[in-house]
């Protein structure tokens, strides 16, 4: 927990990098160009389903003043999900060739980042929350006790009501998650539920990456999502060169900025 009452603070948020070093480098350039960033918050899913997991690991571990939150794809690496009997993720049919290839990608990624990468994941948080002025903010990959499905608005309302009892000084409640790769901005009274999208693998048919900024002042909470262009062609060329498991599907996703398994023979 962080308590910064009486201060103004700005947080930079990156999420769902998925081994895309080209997008991550550009996002960090944008962050470094800002006048004042108090913390970087990384919402998880950093390495799997990309062609440069080791490069992403090296870059992330070099960052200072950064909070790392564990995503479901980070968890799979720790659990060695490929060793399960008929492994599956997110309710997929374990016999689906797409699921089989994604599981193979997890093993390949774990081999790439090695023990150092897995120790880095092990040290990540499940969530991060703070009180600042009259604002209460919580960051996580998806939701409490489940990292594969974010909250519905009804669940978020119950979360707000629960936290309001504990944090009586708070007038606004903000819940920020990643995971979906699609921007979200739900507002309900003094509650807002936000998702920036994906830094490295967007699903909203917009090839541009995402970095978000949360600015908290004594009288306001401002959310700013910035879309940025990165060298998509270089990312595609690197994917073709490395050819990790599932790379044909990932090429289609990079090209169309959506899940296009139907484009893969």
Protein backbone atom coordinates (compact mmCIF):
# COMPACT_ATOMS: atom_id res chain seq x y z
CA UNK A 1 0.00 0.00 0.00
CA UNK A 2 1.12 3.52 -0.73
CA UNK A 3 -0.23 6.53 1.15
CA UNK A 4 0.59 9.85 -0.50
CA UNK A 5 -2.04 12.09 1.08
CA UNK A 6 -1.62 15.76 0.34
CA UNK A 7 0.37 15.24 -2.84
CA UNK A 8 -0.23 15.32 -6.55
CA UNK A 9 1.02 12.21 -8.35
CA UNK A 10 1.18 10.88 -11.88
CA UNK A 11 1.41 7.18 -12.72
CA UNK A 12 2.39 5.74 -16.11
CA UNK A 13 0.69 2.45 -16.93
CA UNK A 14 1.88 -0.21 -19.37
CA UNK A 15 0.32 -3.63 -19.75
CA UNK A 16 0.17 -6.77 -21.87
CA UNK A 17 3.53 -6.25 -23.55
CA UNK A 18 3.65 -9.89 -24.65
CA UNK A 19 7.29 -10.01 -25.70
CA UNK A 20 7.05 -7.01 -28.04
CA UNK A 21 10.28 -5.12 -27.41
CA UNK A 22 9.59 -2.67 -30.24
CA UNK A 23 6.37 -1.48 -28.60
CA UNK A 24 7.87 -1.48 -25.10
CA UNK A 25 10.82 0.68 -26.18
CA UNK A 26 8.49 3.25 -27.71
CA UNK A 27 6.20 3.27 -24.66
CA UNK A 28 9.18 3.92 -22.38
CA UNK A 29 10.36 6.75 -24.63
CA UNK A 30 6.95 8.41 -24.22
CA UNK A 31 7.08 7.95 -20.45
CA UNK A 32 10.60 9.37 -20.24
CA UNK A 33 9.47 12.46 -22.15
CA UNK A 34 6.94 13.31 -19.44
CA UNK A 35 7.91 16.03 -16.98
CA UNK A 36 7.02 14.13 -13.83
CA UNK A 37 6.20 10.45 -13.39
CA UNK A 38 6.03 9.25 -9.80
CA UNK A 39 5.75 5.55 -10.61
CA UNK A 40 5.42 3.22 -13.54
CA UNK A 41 2.80 0.50 -13.07
CA UNK A 42 3.17 -2.61 -15.23
CA UNK A 43 -0.04 -4.66 -15.18
CA UNK A 44 1.41 -7.97 -16.35
CA UNK A 45 1.51 -10.44 -19.24
CA UNK A 46 5.00 -9.36 -20.13
CA UNK A 47 6.79 -12.18 -21.94
CA UNK A 48 4.64 -14.91 -23.51
CA UNK A 49 3.10 -14.69 -27.00
CA UNK A 50 5.89 -12.58 -28.43
CA UNK A 51 9.22 -13.01 -30.17
CA UNK A 52 11.49 -11.12 -27.76
CA UNK A 53 10.77 -12.26 -24.18
CA UNK A 54 14.40 -12.02 -23.07
CA UNK A 55 14.79 -8.51 -24.46
CA UNK A 56 11.62 -7.45 -22.66
CA UNK A 57 12.85 -9.05 -19.44
CA UNK A 58 16.18 -7.22 -19.63
CA UNK A 59 14.42 -3.91 -20.24
CA UNK A 60 11.86 -4.33 -17.46
CA UNK A 61 14.35 -5.37 -14.83
CA UNK A 62 16.40 -2.25 -15.58
CA UNK A 63 13.50 0.07 -14.72
CA UNK A 64 13.49 2.00 -11.47
CA UNK A 65 10.50 3.08 -9.38
CA UNK A 66 8.26 0.53 -11.08
CA UNK A 67 5.51 -1.68 -9.65
CA UNK A 68 5.19 -5.04 -11.42
CA UNK A 69 1.90 -6.92 -11.23
CA UNK A 70 1.67 -10.56 -12.29
CA UNK A 71 -0.58 -11.50 -15.21
CA UNK A 72 -2.05 -14.88 -16.06
CA UNK A 73 0.55 -15.50 -18.77
CA UNK A 74 3.28 -14.70 -16.25
CA UNK A 75 1.70 -17.17 -13.85
CA UNK A 76 1.65 -19.93 -16.47
CA UNK A 77 5.45 -19.72 -16.65
CA UNK A 78 5.79 -20.24 -12.90
CA UNK A 79 3.29 -23.09 -12.87
CA UNK A 80 4.98 -24.83 -15.80
CA UNK A 81 1.55 -25.26 -17.30
CA UNK A 82 2.88 -27.36 -20.19
CA UNK A 83 3.53 -30.18 -17.70
CA UNK A 84 -0.15 -30.45 -16.76
CA UNK A 85 -2.26 -33.36 -17.97
CA UNK A 86 -4.04 -31.91 -21.03
CA UNK A 87 -3.26 -28.29 -20.13
CA UNK A 88 -5.65 -25.51 -21.04
CA UNK A 89 -6.01 -21.77 -20.49
CA UNK A 90 -9.02 -19.48 -20.19
CA UNK A 91 -11.51 -22.29 -20.76
CA UNK A 92 -10.12 -23.39 -24.13
CA UNK A 93 -10.51 -26.95 -25.38
CA UNK A 94 -7.19 -28.63 -24.51
CA UNK A 95 -7.34 -30.50 -27.84
CA UNK A 96 -7.74 -27.30 -29.84
CA UNK A 97 -4.58 -26.81 -31.96
CA UNK A 98 -4.60 -23.12 -30.98
CA UNK A 99 -4.53 -24.04 -27.29
CA UNK A 100 -1.79 -26.62 -27.87
CA UNK A 101 0.36 -24.03 -29.67
CA UNK A 102 -0.19 -21.41 -26.97
CA UNK A 103 0.92 -23.92 -24.33
CA UNK A 104 4.01 -24.69 -26.43
CA UNK A 105 4.71 -20.97 -26.55
CA UNK A 106 4.65 -20.85 -22.74
CA UNK A 107 7.36 -23.50 -22.53
CA UNK A 108 9.45 -21.75 -25.18
CA UNK A 109 9.11 -18.45 -23.32
CA UNK A 110 10.11 -20.01 -20.00
CA UNK A 111 13.22 -21.46 -21.64
CA UNK A 112 14.05 -18.02 -23.05
CA UNK A 113 13.84 -16.03 -19.82
CA UNK A 114 15.37 -18.80 -17.69
CA UNK A 115 15.56 -18.93 -13.92
CA UNK A 116 16.29 -15.20 -13.61
CA UNK A 117 13.12 -14.33 -15.49
CA UNK A 118 11.04 -16.69 -13.40
CA UNK A 119 12.49 -15.22 -10.19
CA UNK A 120 11.51 -11.78 -11.50
CA UNK A 121 7.92 -12.99 -12.00
CA UNK A 122 7.88 -14.62 -8.57
CA UNK A 123 8.60 -11.24 -6.98
CA UNK A 124 5.68 -9.52 -8.72
CA UNK A 125 2.62 -8.33 -6.81
CA UNK A 126 -0.95 -9.51 -7.30
CA UNK A 127 -2.24 -5.95 -6.92
CA UNK A 128 -1.23 -2.46 -5.87
CA UNK A 129 -3.44 0.09 -4.17
CA UNK A 130 -3.11 3.58 -2.79
CA UNK A 131 -4.89 6.41 -1.03
CA UNK A 132 -4.13 9.84 -2.36
CA UNK A 133 -6.03 12.91 -1.22
CA UNK A 134 -9.68 11.78 -1.48
CA UNK A 135 -9.01 9.14 -4.17
CA UNK A 136 -8.70 5.38 -3.70
CA UNK A 137 -7.08 3.53 -6.61
CA UNK A 138 -6.38 -0.14 -7.19
CA UNK A 139 -4.33 -1.75 -9.94
CA UNK A 140 -4.38 -5.43 -10.87
CA UNK A 141 -4.09 -7.59 -13.99
CA UNK A 142 -7.71 -8.71 -14.08
CA UNK A 143 -9.51 -9.22 -10.75
CA UNK A 144 -9.11 -10.62 -7.24
CA UNK A 145 -8.51 -14.35 -7.05
CA UNK A 146 -8.78 -14.71 -10.80
CA UNK A 147 -6.35 -13.32 -13.32
CA UNK A 148 -8.20 -14.46 -16.45
CA UNK A 149 -11.39 -12.37 -16.25
CA UNK A 150 -11.77 -8.69 -15.25
CA UNK A 151 -14.69 -7.47 -13.15
CA UNK A 152 -18.11 -6.78 -14.53
CA UNK A 153 -19.46 -3.36 -13.68
CA UNK A 154 -21.70 -4.98 -11.05
CA UNK A 155 -18.68 -6.63 -9.42
CA UNK A 156 -16.83 -3.33 -9.51
CA UNK A 157 -19.77 -1.59 -7.80
CA UNK A 158 -19.61 -4.15 -4.97
CA UNK A 159 -15.83 -3.59 -4.76
CA UNK A 160 -16.46 0.18 -4.47
CA UNK A 161 -19.07 -0.32 -1.76
CA UNK A 162 -16.72 -2.57 0.21
CA UNK A 163 -13.75 -0.22 -0.06
CA UNK A 164 -15.92 2.77 0.81
CA UNK A 165 -16.55 1.26 4.25
CA UNK A 166 -12.80 0.92 4.88
CA UNK A 167 -11.67 4.17 3.28
CA UNK A 168 -14.16 6.70 4.55
CA UNK A 169 -12.02 9.63 3.45
CA UNK A 170 -12.22 8.60 -0.21
CA UNK A 171 -14.70 10.30 -2.51
CA UNK A 172 -13.66 8.59 -5.75
CA UNK A 173 -12.81 4.94 -6.46
CA UNK A 174 -10.79 3.87 -9.48
CA UNK A 175 -10.10 0.28 -10.51
CA UNK A 176 -7.51 -0.21 -13.29
CA UNK A 177 -6.89 -3.55 -15.00
CA UNK A 178 -5.21 -4.99 -18.07
CA UNK A 179 -5.72 -8.44 -19.64
CA UNK A 180 -8.41 -7.73 -22.24
CA UNK A 181 -6.17 -5.86 -24.74
CA UNK A 182 -9.17 -3.60 -25.38
CA UNK A 183 -9.62 -0.12 -23.85
CA UNK A 184 -12.31 0.29 -21.21
CA UNK A 185 -13.71 3.36 -19.49
CA UNK A 186 -16.78 2.56 -17.39
CA UNK A 187 -18.17 5.31 -15.18
CA UNK A 188 -20.81 4.94 -12.48
CA UNK A 189 -21.14 7.78 -9.99
CA UNK A 190 -17.91 8.02 -8.03
CA UNK A 191 -16.63 4.75 -9.56
CA UNK A 192 -14.53 4.34 -12.69
CA UNK A 193 -13.25 1.06 -14.13
CA UNK A 194 -10.42 1.53 -16.60
CA UNK A 195 -8.30 -0.54 -18.94
CA UNK A 196 -5.76 1.12 -21.25
CA UNK A 197 -5.72 -1.71 -23.80
CA UNK A 198 -2.43 -3.41 -24.68
CA UNK A 199 1.04 -1.95 -24.98
CA UNK A 200 2.35 -4.69 -27.26
CA UNK A 201 -0.51 -6.75 -28.74
CA UNK A 202 -3.74 -4.74 -29.25
CA UNK A 203 -7.02 -6.54 -29.97
CA UNK A 204 -9.13 -3.48 -30.87
CA UNK A 205 -8.22 -3.33 -34.57
CA UNK A 206 -5.83 -0.43 -33.93
CA UNK A 207 -2.20 -1.43 -34.48
CA UNK A 208 -0.90 1.31 -32.24
CA UNK A 209 0.43 0.46 -28.81
CA UNK A 210 -0.83 1.97 -25.56
CA UNK A 211 0.59 3.81 -22.59
CA UNK A 212 -1.74 5.44 -20.06
CA UNK A 213 -1.29 8.15 -17.46
CA UNK A 214 -3.25 8.55 -14.25
CA UNK A 215 -2.90 12.01 -12.70
CA UNK A 216 -4.29 12.51 -9.22
CA UNK A 217 -4.69 16.01 -7.83
CA UNK A 218 -6.45 17.16 -4.66
CA UNK A 219 -9.65 17.82 -6.59
CA UNK A 220 -9.50 15.51 -9.63
CA UNK A 221 -8.50 12.17 -11.10
CA UNK A 222 -7.50 12.40 -14.77
CA UNK A 223 -7.09 9.38 -17.09
CA UNK A 224 -5.18 9.86 -20.32
CA UNK A 225 -4.63 6.99 -22.79
CA UNK A 226 -2.05 7.67 -25.48
CA UNK A 227 -1.90 5.52 -28.60
CA UNK A 228 1.49 5.40 -30.27
CA UNK A 229 2.92 3.99 -33.46
CA UNK A 230 5.85 1.60 -33.18
CA UNK A 231 7.80 -0.22 -35.85
CA UNK A 232 5.20 -2.87 -36.59
CA UNK A 233 7.09 -4.13 -39.62
CA UNK A 234 10.20 -4.68 -37.50
CA UNK A 235 8.11 -6.56 -34.95
CA UNK A 236 6.65 -8.74 -37.70
CA UNK A 237 10.08 -9.36 -39.24
CA UNK A 238 11.48 -10.36 -35.85
CA UNK A 239 8.55 -12.75 -35.33
CA UNK A 240 9.22 -14.32 -38.73
CA UNK A 241 12.92 -14.64 -37.95
CA UNK A 242 12.54 -16.18 -34.50
CA UNK A 243 9.41 -18.26 -35.25
CA UNK A 244 8.36 -19.11 -31.70
CA UNK A 245 5.48 -21.57 -31.27
CA UNK A 246 2.19 -19.97 -32.33
CA UNK A 247 4.03 -17.37 -34.42
CA UNK A 248 1.73 -17.54 -37.46
CA UNK A 249 -1.26 -16.63 -35.31
CA UNK A 250 0.74 -13.87 -33.63
CA UNK A 251 1.73 -12.46 -37.01
CA UNK A 252 -1.95 -12.18 -37.91
CA UNK A 253 -2.70 -10.51 -34.58
CA UNK A 254 0.08 -7.95 -35.08
CA UNK A 255 -1.11 -7.26 -38.62
CA UNK A 256 -4.83 -6.92 -37.90
CA UNK A 257 -4.68 -5.86 -34.23
CA UNK A 258 -7.29 -8.49 -33.40
CA UNK A 259 -7.40 -12.22 -32.75
CA UNK A 260 -7.47 -13.66 -36.27
CA UNK A 261 -6.85 -17.38 -35.87
CA UNK A 262 -9.13 -17.80 -38.88
CA UNK A 263 -6.37 -16.27 -41.04
CA UNK A 264 -3.98 -19.12 -40.22
CA UNK A 265 -4.04 -22.32 -42.26
